[in-house]
C-alpha atoms as a PDB file:
ATOM      1  CA  MET A   1      -9.052   4.675  -0.140  1.00  0.00           C
ATOM      2  CA  LEU A   2      -6.506   5.086   2.629  1.00  0.00           C
ATOM      3  CA  LEU A   3      -3.279   6.796   1.694  1.00  0.00           C
ATOM      4  CA  ALA A   4       0.054   6.126   3.390  1.00  0.00           C
ATOM      5  CA  ASN A   5       0.662   8.802   5.967  1.00  0.00           C
ATOM      6  CA  GLU A   6       2.331   8.410   9.325  1.00  0.00           C
ATOM      7  CA  GLU A   7      -0.267  10.713  10.898  1.00  0.00           C
ATOM      8  CA  MET A   8      -3.003   8.196  10.111  1.00  0.00           C
ATOM      9  CA  THR A   9      -1.579   5.804  12.694  1.00  0.00           C
ATOM     10  CA  PRO A  10      -3.141   6.620  16.089  1.00  0.00           C
ATOM     11  CA  ALA A  11      -0.676   8.650  18.120  1.00  0.00           C
ATOM     12  CA  SER A  12      -1.615   6.692  21.226  1.00  0.00           C
ATOM     13  CA  TYR A  13      -0.475   3.466  19.553  1.00  0.00           C
ATOM     14  CA  GLU A  14       2.891   4.860  18.498  1.00  0.00           C
ATOM     15  CA  LEU A  15       3.495   6.288  21.952  1.00  0.00           C
ATOM     16  CA  LEU A  16       2.718   2.942  23.563  1.00  0.00           C
ATOM     17  CA  VAL A  17       5.109   1.119  21.233  1.00  0.00           C
ATOM     18  CA  LYS A  18       7.863   3.621  22.062  1.00  0.00           C
ATOM     19  CA  ARG A  19       7.123   3.241  25.755  1.00  0.00           C
ATOM     20  CA  LEU A  20       7.264  -0.541  25.422  1.00  0.00           C
ATOM     21  CA  VAL A  21      10.674  -0.321  23.760  1.00  0.00           C
ATOM     22  CA  VAL A  22      11.950   1.782  26.656  1.00  0.00           C
ATOM     23  CA  GLU A  23      10.416  -0.438  29.335  1.00  0.00           C
ATOM     24  CA  SER A  24      11.077  -3.832  27.724  1.00  0.00           C
ATOM     25  CA  ASN A  25      13.673  -4.640  30.389  1.00  0.00           C
ATOM     26  CA  VAL A  26      11.185  -3.965  33.205  1.00  0.00           C
ATOM     27  CA  VAL A  27       8.931  -6.983  32.785  1.00  0.00           C
ATOM     28  CA  SER A  28       5.973  -5.842  34.897  1.00  0.00           C
ATOM     29  CA  ASN A  29       5.785  -2.487  33.122  1.00  0.00           C
ATOM     30  CA  ALA A  30       6.244  -4.076  29.700  1.00  0.00           C
ATOM     31  CA  ILE A  31       3.392  -6.537  30.265  1.00  0.00           C
ATOM     32  CA  ALA A  32       1.033  -3.739  31.323  1.00  0.00           C
ATOM     33  CA  VAL A  33       1.829  -1.754  28.177  1.00  0.00           C
ATOM     34  CA  PHE A  34       1.617  -4.869  26.011  1.00  0.00           C
ATOM     35  CA  ARG A  35      -1.853  -5.744  27.294  1.00  0.00           C
ATOM     36  CA  ASN A  36      -2.955  -2.216  26.493  1.00  0.00           C
ATOM     37  CA  LEU A  37      -1.482  -2.550  23.013  1.00  0.00           C
ATOM     38  CA  LEU A  38      -3.142  -5.837  22.045  1.00  0.00           C
ATOM     39  CA  PRO A  39      -6.624  -4.506  21.171  1.00  0.00           C
ATOM     40  CA  LYS A  40      -5.095  -1.402  19.587  1.00  0.00           C
ATOM     41  CA  SER A  41      -2.852  -3.619  17.440  1.00  0.00           C
ATOM     42  CA  ALA A  42      -5.847  -5.552  16.135  1.00  0.00           C
ATOM     43  CA  GLU A  43      -7.767  -2.334  15.437  1.00  0.00           C
ATOM     44  CA  LEU A  44      -4.795  -0.759  13.660  1.00  0.00           C
ATOM     45  CA  ILE A  45      -4.248  -3.701  11.314  1.00  0.00           C
ATOM     46  CA  GLN A  46      -7.963  -4.186  10.650  1.00  0.00           C
ATOM     47  CA  SER A  47      -8.389  -0.492   9.801  1.00  0.00           C
ATOM     48  CA  TYR A  48      -6.711  -1.098   6.448  1.00  0.00           C
ATOM     49  CA  ILE A  49      -9.048  -3.907   5.359  1.00  0.00           C
ATOM     50  CA  PRO A  50     -11.638  -1.487   3.854  1.00  0.00           C
ATOM     51  CA  GLY A  51      -8.956  -0.163   1.504  1.00  0.00           C
ATOM     52  CA  LEU A  52      -8.219  -3.694   0.342  1.00  0.00           C
ATOM     53  CA  ASN A  53     -11.917  -4.510   0.016  1.00  0.00           C
ATOM     54  CA  LYS A  54     -12.370  -1.601  -2.365  1.00  0.00           C
ATOM     55  CA  LEU A  55      -9.863  -3.281  -4.645  1.00  0.00           C
ATOM     56  CA  ILE A  56     -11.752  -6.580  -4.368  1.00  0.00           C
ATOM     57  CA  ASP A  57     -15.396  -5.467  -4.527  1.00  0.00           C
ATOM     58  CA  PRO A  58     -16.744  -5.858  -8.097  1.00  0.00           C
ATOM     59  CA  SER A  59     -19.364  -3.189  -7.360  1.00  0.00           C
ATOM     60  CA  GLU A  60     -16.585  -0.600  -7.131  1.00  0.00           C
ATOM     61  CA  GLN A  61     -16.277   1.374 -10.363  1.00  0.00           C
ATOM     62  CA  LYS A  62     -13.155   0.276 -12.219  1.00  0.00           C
ATOM     63  CA  PRO A  63     -11.739   2.133 -15.251  1.00  0.00           C
ATOM     64  CA  ASN A  64     -11.814   0.004 -18.384  1.00  0.00           C
ATOM     65  CA  ILE A  65      -8.989  -0.100 -20.901  1.00  0.00           C
ATOM     66  CA  THR A  66     -10.111   0.436 -24.505  1.00  0.00           C
ATOM     67  CA  SER A  67      -7.341  -0.590 -26.890  1.00  0.00           C
ATOM     68  CA  LYS A  68      -9.192   0.600 -29.988  1.00  0.00           C
ATOM     69  CA  ILE A  69      -9.352   4.182 -28.710  1.00  0.00           C
ATOM     70  CA  HIS A  70      -5.650   4.020 -27.894  1.00  0.00           C
ATOM     71  CA  LYS A  71      -4.775   2.854 -31.401  1.00  0.00           C
ATOM     72  CA  ASP A  72      -7.058   5.439 -33.017  1.00  0.00           C
ATOM     73  CA  VAL A  73      -5.510   8.281 -31.002  1.00  0.00           C
ATOM     74  CA  VAL A  74      -1.921   7.197 -31.714  1.00  0.00           C
ATOM     75  CA  LYS A  75      -2.682   7.149 -35.443  1.00  0.00           C
ATOM     76  CA  ALA A  76      -4.622  10.429 -35.430  1.00  0.00           C
ATOM     77  CA  VAL A  77      -1.981  12.553 -33.677  1.00  0.00           C
ATOM     78  CA  GLU A  78       0.605  11.695 -36.357  1.00  0.00           C
ATOM     79  CA  ALA A  79      -0.898  14.451 -38.471  1.00  0.00           C
ATOM     80  CA  TYR A  80      -0.479  17.171 -35.815  1.00  0.00           C
ATOM     81  CA  SER A  81       2.406  19.090 -34.251  1.00  0.00           C
ATOM     82  CA  PHE A  82       3.005  18.404 -30.569  1.00  0.00           C
ATOM     83  CA  LEU A  83       4.200  21.989 -30.056  1.00  0.00           C
ATOM     84  CA  VAL A  84       0.768  23.329 -30.982  1.00  0.00           C
ATOM     85  CA  TYR A  85      -1.014  21.207 -28.362  1.00  0.00           C
ATOM     86  CA  GLU A  86       1.632  20.823 -25.656  1.00  0.00           C
ATOM     87  CA  SER A  87      -0.208  23.217 -23.296  1.00  0.00           C
ATOM     88  CA  THR A  88      -3.474  21.285 -23.488  1.00  0.00           C
ATOM     89  CA  LEU A  89      -4.611  20.372 -19.977  1.00  0.00           C
ATOM     90  CA  VAL A  90      -5.148  16.656 -19.434  1.00  0.00           C
ATOM     91  CA  ALA A  91      -6.372  14.558 -16.497  1.00  0.00           C
ATOM     92  CA  VAL A  92      -3.773  13.099 -14.121  1.00  0.00           C
ATOM     93  CA  PRO A  93      -3.954  11.347 -10.728  1.00  0.00           C
ATOM     94  CA  GLU A  94      -4.420  13.925  -7.958  1.00  0.00           C
ATOM     95  CA  GLY A  95      -1.141  15.636  -7.147  1.00  0.00           C
ATOM     96  CA  PHE A  96       0.728  13.942  -9.999  1.00  0.00           C
ATOM     97  CA  ASN A  97       3.793  15.863 -11.121  1.00  0.00           C
ATOM     98  CA  GLY A  98       5.962  13.785 -13.426  1.00  0.00           C
ATOM     99  CA  LYS A  99       6.175  11.876 -16.679  1.00  0.00           C
ATOM    100  CA  LEU A 100       3.720   9.054 -17.289  1.00  0.00           C
ATOM    101  CA  ILE A 101       6.126   6.578 -18.911  1.00  0.00           C
ATOM    102  CA  PRO A 102       8.525   6.161 -15.933  1.00  0.00           C
ATOM    103  CA  TYR A 103       5.586   6.247 -13.521  1.00  0.00           C
ATOM    104  CA  LEU A 104       3.734   3.434 -15.278  1.00  0.00           C
ATOM    105  CA  GLN A 105       6.994   1.496 -15.593  1.00  0.00           C
ATOM    106  CA  LEU A 106       7.538   1.812 -11.843  1.00  0.00           C
ATOM    107  CA  LEU A 107       4.037   0.559 -11.035  1.00  0.00           C
ATOM    108  CA  LEU A 108       4.548  -2.376 -13.382  1.00  0.00           C
ATOM    109  CA  SER A 109       7.894  -3.210 -11.790  1.00  0.00           C
ATOM    110  CA  TYR A 110       6.098  -4.106  -8.542  1.00  0.00           C
ATOM    111  CA  ASP A 111       3.500  -6.242 -10.335  1.00  0.00           C
ATOM    112  CA  LYS A 112       2.908  -9.563  -8.536  1.00  0.00           C
ATOM    113  CA  ARG A 113       5.762  -8.998  -6.072  1.00  0.00           C
ATOM    114  CA  ILE A 114       3.773  -6.650  -3.892  1.00  0.00           C
ATOM    115  CA  ILE A 115       1.184  -9.338  -3.105  1.00  0.00           C
ATOM    116  CA  GLU A 116       3.780 -12.102  -2.740  1.00  0.00           C
ATOM    117  CA  ASP A 117       5.972 -10.014  -0.426  1.00  0.00           C
ATOM    118  CA  GLY A 118       2.944  -8.888   1.574  1.00  0.00           C
ATOM    119  CA  ARG A 119       1.814 -12.461   2.099  1.00  0.00           C
ATOM    120  CA  LYS A 120       5.269 -13.396   3.362  1.00  0.00           C
ATOM    121  CA  VAL A 121       5.296 -10.489   5.835  1.00  0.00           C
ATOM    122  CA  LEU A 122       1.879 -11.520   7.148  1.00  0.00           C
ATOM    123  CA  ALA A 123       2.720 -15.233   7.216  1.00  0.00           C
ATOM    124  CA  ASP A 124       5.894 -14.624   9.231  1.00  0.00           C
ATOM    125  CA  TYR A 125       4.066 -12.453  11.740  1.00  0.00           C
ATOM    126  CA  ASN A 126       1.131 -14.848  12.024  1.00  0.00           C
ATOM    127  CA  LEU A 127       3.612 -17.639  12.737  1.00  0.00           C
ATOM    128  CA  GLN A 128       5.063 -15.554  15.573  1.00  0.00           C
ATOM    129  CA  LEU A 129       1.580 -15.047  17.009  1.00  0.00           C
ATOM    130  CA  SER A 130       0.726 -18.748  16.706  1.00  0.00           C
ATOM    131  CA  MET A 131       3.961 -19.782  18.402  1.00  0.00           C
ATOM    132  CA  PHE A 132       3.321 -17.275  21.181  1.00  0.00           C
ATOM    133  CA  LEU A 133      -0.064 -18.900  21.785  1.00  0.00           C
ATOM    134  CA  SER A 134       1.195 -22.487  21.716  1.00  0.00           C
ATOM    135  CA  ASN A 135       4.697 -22.337  23.201  1.00  0.00           C
ATOM    136  CA  ALA A 136       5.323 -21.066  26.735  1.00  0.00           C
ATOM    137  CA  ASP A 137       9.081 -20.892  26.092  1.00  0.00           C
ATOM    138  CA  ILE A 138       8.560 -18.473  23.207  1.00  0.00           C
ATOM    139  CA  ARG A 139       6.690 -16.101  25.531  1.00  0.00           C
ATOM    140  CA  THR A 140       9.748 -15.712  27.761  1.00  0.00           C
ATOM    141  CA  SER A 141      12.307 -15.580  24.953  1.00  0.00           C
ATOM    142  CA  VAL A 142      14.841 -12.742  24.770  1.00  0.00           C
ATOM    143  CA  LYS A 143      15.254 -13.118  21.000  1.00  0.00           C
ATOM    144  CA  SER A 144      14.923  -9.835  19.098  1.00  0.00           C
ATOM    145  CA  HIS A 145      13.122  -9.423  15.765  1.00  0.00           C
ATOM    146  CA  ALA A 146      14.335  -5.851  15.327  1.00  0.00           C
ATOM    147  CA  GLU A 147      16.391  -6.621  12.204  1.00  0.00           C
ATOM    148  CA  THR A 148      13.432  -8.326  10.529  1.00  0.00           C
ATOM    149  CA  TYR A 149      11.171  -5.354  11.185  1.00  0.00           C
ATOM    150  CA  LYS A 150      13.908  -2.972  10.072  1.00  0.00           C
ATOM    151  CA  LYS A 151      14.114  -4.810   6.743  1.00  0.00           C
ATOM    152  CA  ILE A 152      10.328  -4.731   6.290  1.00  0.00           C
ATOM    153  CA  ARG A 153      10.215  -1.023   7.112  1.00  0.00           C
ATOM    154  CA  LYS A 154      13.095  -0.211   4.753  1.00  0.00           C
ATOM    155  CA  GLU A 155      11.452  -2.082   1.878  1.00  0.00           C
ATOM    156  CA  ARG A 156       8.131  -0.317   2.423  1.00  0.00           C
ATOM    157  CA  GLU A 157       9.673   3.141   2.805  1.00  0.00           C
ATOM    158  CA  GLU A 158      11.870   2.766  -0.273  1.00  0.00           C
ATOM    159  CA  ARG A 159       8.888   1.751  -2.394  1.00  0.00           C
ATOM    160  CA  GLN A 160       6.840   4.658  -1.067  1.00  0.00           C
ATOM    161  CA  LYS A 161       9.707   7.091  -1.664  1.00  0.00           C
ATOM    162  CA  GLN A 162       9.964   5.968  -5.291  1.00  0.00           C
ATOM    163  CA  LEU A 163       6.243   6.520  -5.809  1.00  0.00           C
ATOM    164  CA  GLU A 164       6.097   9.851  -4.000  1.00  0.00           C
ATOM    165  CA  GLN A 165       8.723  11.391  -6.280  1.00  0.00           C
ATOM    166  CA  PHE A 166       5.980  11.576  -8.905  1.00  0.00           C
ATOM    167  CA  PHE A 167       3.665  13.636  -6.684  1.00  0.00           C
ATOM    168  CA  ASP A 168       3.659  17.248  -5.527  1.00  0.00           C
ATOM    169  CA  LYS A 169       2.799  17.561  -1.831  1.00  0.00           C
ATOM    170  CA  LYS A 170       2.181  21.307  -2.176  1.00  0.00           C
ATOM    171  CA  PHE A 171      -0.519  20.744  -4.790  1.00  0.00           C
ATOM    172  CA  SER A 172      -1.874  17.382  -3.709  1.00  0.00           C
ATOM    173  CA  THR A 173      -5.363  17.969  -5.150  1.00  0.00           C
ATOM    174  CA  LEU A 174      -4.266  19.173  -8.589  1.00  0.00           C
ATOM    175  CA  SER A 175      -5.771  16.791 -11.154  1.00  0.00           C
ATOM    176  CA  ARG A 176      -4.935  18.438 -14.496  1.00  0.00           C
ATOM    177  CA  ARG A 177      -1.535  19.137 -16.029  1.00  0.00           C
ATOM    178  CA  PRO A 178      -0.313  20.490 -19.384  1.00  0.00           C
ATOM    179  CA  LEU A 179       0.280  17.682 -21.880  1.00  0.00           C
ATOM    180  CA  ASN A 180       4.007  18.497 -22.147  1.00  0.00           C
ATOM    181  CA  LYS A 181       4.391  17.890 -18.396  1.00  0.00           C
ATOM    182  CA  VAL A 182       3.334  14.245 -18.681  1.00  0.00           C
ATOM    183  CA  ILE A 183       4.783  13.293 -22.094  1.00  0.00           C
ATOM    184  CA  ASP A 184       7.591  14.739 -24.233  1.00  0.00           C
ATOM    185  CA  ARG A 185       6.132  14.068 -27.674  1.00  0.00           C
ATOM    186  CA  PHE A 186       3.063  12.544 -29.313  1.00  0.00           C
ATOM    187  CA  ALA A 187       5.090   9.410 -30.040  1.00  0.00           C
ATOM    188  CA  ASP A 188       5.162   8.769 -26.274  1.00  0.00           C
ATOM    189  CA  LEU A 189       1.430   8.084 -26.322  1.00  0.00           C
ATOM    190  CA  ASP A 190       1.953   4.677 -27.922  1.00  0.00           C
ATOM    191  CA  VAL A 191       4.286   3.694 -25.058  1.00  0.00           C
ATOM    192  CA  VAL A 192       1.958   5.161 -22.414  1.00  0.00           C
ATOM    193  CA  PHE A 193      -1.068   3.280 -23.717  1.00  0.00           C
ATOM    194  CA  THR A 194       0.879   0.015 -24.059  1.00  0.00           C
ATOM    195  CA  LEU A 195       2.113   0.294 -20.459  1.00  0.00           C
ATOM    196  CA  ALA A 196      -1.398   1.133 -19.223  1.00  0.00           C
ATOM    197  CA  GLU A 197      -2.803  -1.951 -20.944  1.00  0.00           C
ATOM    198  CA  LYS A 198      -0.110  -4.125 -19.336  1.00  0.00           C
ATOM    199  CA  LEU A 199      -0.877  -2.561 -15.969  1.00  0.00           C
ATOM    200  CA  ASP A 200      -4.572  -3.279 -16.490  1.00  0.00           C
ATOM    201  CA  GLN A 201      -3.776  -6.946 -17.120  1.00  0.00           C
ATOM    202  CA  SER A 202      -1.538  -6.992 -14.060  1.00  0.00           C
ATOM    203  CA  ARG A 203      -4.177  -5.604 -11.699  1.00  0.00           C
ATOM    204  CA  LYS A 204      -6.659  -8.245 -12.832  1.00  0.00           C
ATOM    205  CA  GLY A 205      -4.258 -10.858 -11.528  1.00  0.00           C
ATOM    206  CA  GLN A 206      -3.638  -9.173  -8.175  1.00  0.00           C
ATOM    207  CA  ASN A 207      -5.176 -11.277  -5.418  1.00  0.00           C
ATOM    208  CA  TYR A 208      -6.071  -8.646  -2.819  1.00  0.00           C
ATOM    209  CA  LYS A 209      -8.682 -11.026  -1.422  1.00  0.00           C
ATOM    210  CA  VAL A 210      -6.005 -13.392  -0.098  1.00  0.00           C
ATOM    211  CA  ILE A 211      -4.184 -10.475   1.559  1.00  0.00           C
ATOM    212  CA  ALA A 212      -7.416  -9.383   3.249  1.00  0.00           C
ATOM    213  CA  SER A 213      -7.881 -12.969   4.470  1.00  0.00           C
ATOM    214  CA  ASP A 214      -4.332 -13.039   5.879  1.00  0.00           C
ATOM    215  CA  VAL A 215      -4.949  -9.720   7.616  1.00  0.00           C
ATOM    216  CA  GLN A 216      -8.131 -11.071   9.194  1.00  0.00           C
ATOM    217  CA  LYS A 217      -6.163 -14.052  10.500  1.00  0.00           C
ATOM    218  CA  THR A 218      -3.681 -11.643  12.107  1.00  0.00           C
ATOM    219  CA  THR A 219      -6.396  -9.694  13.892  1.00  0.00           C
ATOM    220  CA  ASP A 220      -8.068 -12.930  15.027  1.00  0.00           C
ATOM    221  CA  LEU A 221      -4.792 -14.182  16.536  1.00  0.00           C
ATOM    222  CA  LEU A 222      -4.192 -10.871  18.307  1.00  0.00           C
ATOM    223  CA  ALA A 223      -7.741 -10.986  19.684  1.00  0.00           C
ATOM    224  CA  LEU A 224      -7.163 -14.536  20.933  1.00  0.00           C
ATOM    225  CA  ILE A 225      -3.939 -13.518  22.688  1.00  0.00           C
ATOM    226  CA  ASN A 226      -5.791 -10.625  24.292  1.00  0.00           C
ATOM    227  CA  GLN A 227      -8.578 -12.956  25.441  1.00  0.00           C
ATOM    228  CA  ARG A 228      -6.197 -15.514  26.941  1.00  0.00           C
ATOM    229  CA  MET A 229      -4.242 -12.833  28.775  1.00  0.00           C
ATOM    230  CA  ASP A 230      -7.483 -11.389  30.182  1.00  0.00           C
ATOM    231  CA  GLN A 231      -8.473 -14.870  31.344  1.00  0.00           C
ATOM    232  CA  GLY A 232      -5.076 -15.400  32.969  1.00  0.00           C
ATOM    233  CA  ASP A 233      -4.144 -18.329  30.702  1.00  0.00           C
ATOM    234  CA  ILE A 234      -1.082 -16.375  29.602  1.00  0.00           C
ATOM    235  CA  ALA A 235       0.692 -14.487  32.357  1.00  0.00           C
ATOM    236  CA  ASN A 236       4.434 -14.986  31.982  1.00  0.00           C
ATOM    237  CA  VAL A 237       5.707 -12.904  29.049  1.00  0.00           C
ATOM    238  CA  SER A 238       9.159 -11.385  28.631  1.00  0.00           C
ATOM    239  CA  GLY A 239       9.565  -7.708  27.811  1.00  0.00           C
ATOM    240  CA  HIS A 240      11.481  -8.628  24.646  1.00  0.00           C
ATOM    241  CA  THR A 241       8.676 -10.847  23.353  1.00  0.00           C
ATOM    242  CA  ALA A 242       6.061  -8.201  24.133  1.00  0.00           C
ATOM    243  CA  LYS A 243       8.136  -5.621  22.265  1.00  0.00           C
ATOM    244  CA  ASN A 244       8.593  -7.957  19.286  1.00  0.00           C
ATOM    245  CA  LEU A 245       4.858  -8.549  18.854  1.00  0.00           C
ATOM    246  CA  ALA A 246       3.941  -4.896  19.329  1.00  0.00           C
ATOM    247  CA  GLU A 247       6.528  -3.616  16.858  1.00  0.00           C
ATOM    248  CA  GLY A 248       5.546  -6.391  14.476  1.00  0.00           C
ATOM    249  CA  ALA A 249       1.898  -5.330  14.569  1.00  0.00           C
ATOM    250  CA  TYR A 250       2.864  -1.781  13.661  1.00  0.00           C
ATOM    251  CA  GLU A 251       5.108  -2.803  10.756  1.00  0.00           C
ATOM    252  CA  VAL A 252       2.545  -5.294   9.451  1.00  0.00           C
ATOM    253  CA  ALA A 253      -0.169  -2.630   9.570  1.00  0.00           C
ATOM    254  CA  LYS A 254       1.953  -0.131   7.668  1.00  0.00           C
ATOM    255  CA  TYR A 255       2.896  -2.780   5.108  1.00  0.00           C
ATOM    256  CA  VAL A 256      -0.754  -3.681   4.526  1.00  0.00           C
ATOM    257  CA  GLU A 257      -1.523   0.013   4.132  1.00  0.00           C
ATOM    258  CA  SER A 258       1.205   0.288   1.483  1.00  0.00           C
ATOM    259  CA  ILE A 259      -0.358  -2.602  -0.471  1.00  0.00           C
ATOM    260  CA  ALA A 260      -3.756  -0.904  -0.458  1.00  0.00           C
ATOM    261  CA  LEU A 261      -2.064   2.335  -1.517  1.00  0.00           C
ATOM    262  CA  TYR A 262      -0.343   0.607  -4.426  1.00  0.00           C
ATOM    263  CA  GLY A 263      -3.730  -0.647  -5.623  1.00  0.00           C
ATOM    264  CA  TYR A 264      -5.036   2.919  -5.430  1.00  0.00           C
ATOM    265  CA  TYR A 265      -2.106   4.212  -7.489  1.00  0.00           C
ATOM    266  CA  VAL A 266      -2.754   1.571 -10.140  1.00  0.00           C
ATOM    267  CA  GLU A 267      -6.472   2.376 -10.365  1.00  0.00           C
ATOM    268  CA  THR A 268      -5.894   6.122 -10.707  1.00  0.00           C
ATOM    269  CA  ALA A 269      -3.062   5.658 -13.214  1.00  0.00           C
ATOM    270  CA  ILE A 270      -5.253   3.542 -15.479  1.00  0.00           C
ATOM    271  CA  GLY A 271      -8.217   5.871 -15.047  1.00  0.00           C
ATOM    272  CA  SER A 272      -6.177   8.964 -15.885  1.00  0.00           C
ATOM    273  CA  THR A 273      -4.585   7.331 -18.931  1.00  0.00           C
ATOM    274  CA  ASN A 274      -8.024   6.419 -20.235  1.00  0.00           C
ATOM    275  CA  ASN A 275      -9.260   9.957 -19.638  1.00  0.00           C
ATOM    276  CA  ILE A 276      -6.317  11.326 -21.620  1.00  0.00           C
ATOM    277  CA  ALA A 277      -7.067   8.939 -24.487  1.00  0.00           C
ATOM    278  CA  GLU A 278     -10.737   9.922 -24.511  1.00  0.00           C
ATOM    279  CA  GLN A 279      -9.914  13.636 -24.384  1.00  0.00           C
ATOM    280  CA  LEU A 280      -7.458  13.367 -27.277  1.00  0.00           C
ATOM    281  CA  ARG A 281      -9.911  11.260 -29.256  1.00  0.00           C
ATOM    282  CA  LYS A 282     -12.470  14.057 -29.041  1.00  0.00           C
ATOM    283  CA  LEU A 283      -9.820  16.621 -29.942  1.00  0.00           C
ATOM    284  CA  PHE A 284      -8.229  14.886 -32.944  1.00  0.00           C
ATOM    285  CA  ILE A 285     -10.813  12.450 -34.279  1.00  0.00           C
ATOM    286  CA  LYS A 286     -13.776  14.170 -35.859  1.00  0.00           C
END
């Protein structure tokens, strides 16, 4: 699974985008950079499809929610003091450093929106690519899409910032934490398990397949633009339009990556919650 990290984007691509921004007013230079960017744009966006496919592929091991174990554990711990067991180490997602209840609530708050918003981002960009292919006037337009991309970037970065507050970058591989670091009392377990079950139902309704299909359409359109420019069918392109499409490819790629990352967070949250339930079952139910 790919994790969101700016370093994962090829440095050469970012440098070319920055160069295109600088040279967008010099049309000949901008076109040269843009043509160099086209295949890299397609590769960048397509590189995140495997992460989505892992969320789609039924052969991938998925943690299963077991409500009966949850109920049995919640009932069993009523007879024990939390203070006696608060230092018990339990499984958490790698690098997790926070309370489970607000974390699960945050994941649930995105729910269907993350797929719906992602589809809109891809649809808008694919429309830009289609119009570029079919309308010669669009290719020489001076219209800027900077504000649109700024909004997309802000939305993605804010969501990632909210999620990252629950993780410790210094100990990113740590996968066990004391029980009192993830819940405050045994009574919290009922809430944790209820949220995990809701999250499990939510992920079953997430249509990552349609996002992967939209992403493939984007890469196909970029490849077609590249082909037509190589053939000379498209020659007259403004620096502003070239910059718009290049910046759009970058923001779309990062947005798709954030969707795949969200799916990863959901899978590990459910898996860890189940592991905690199983561990406590063995500890308290004889």
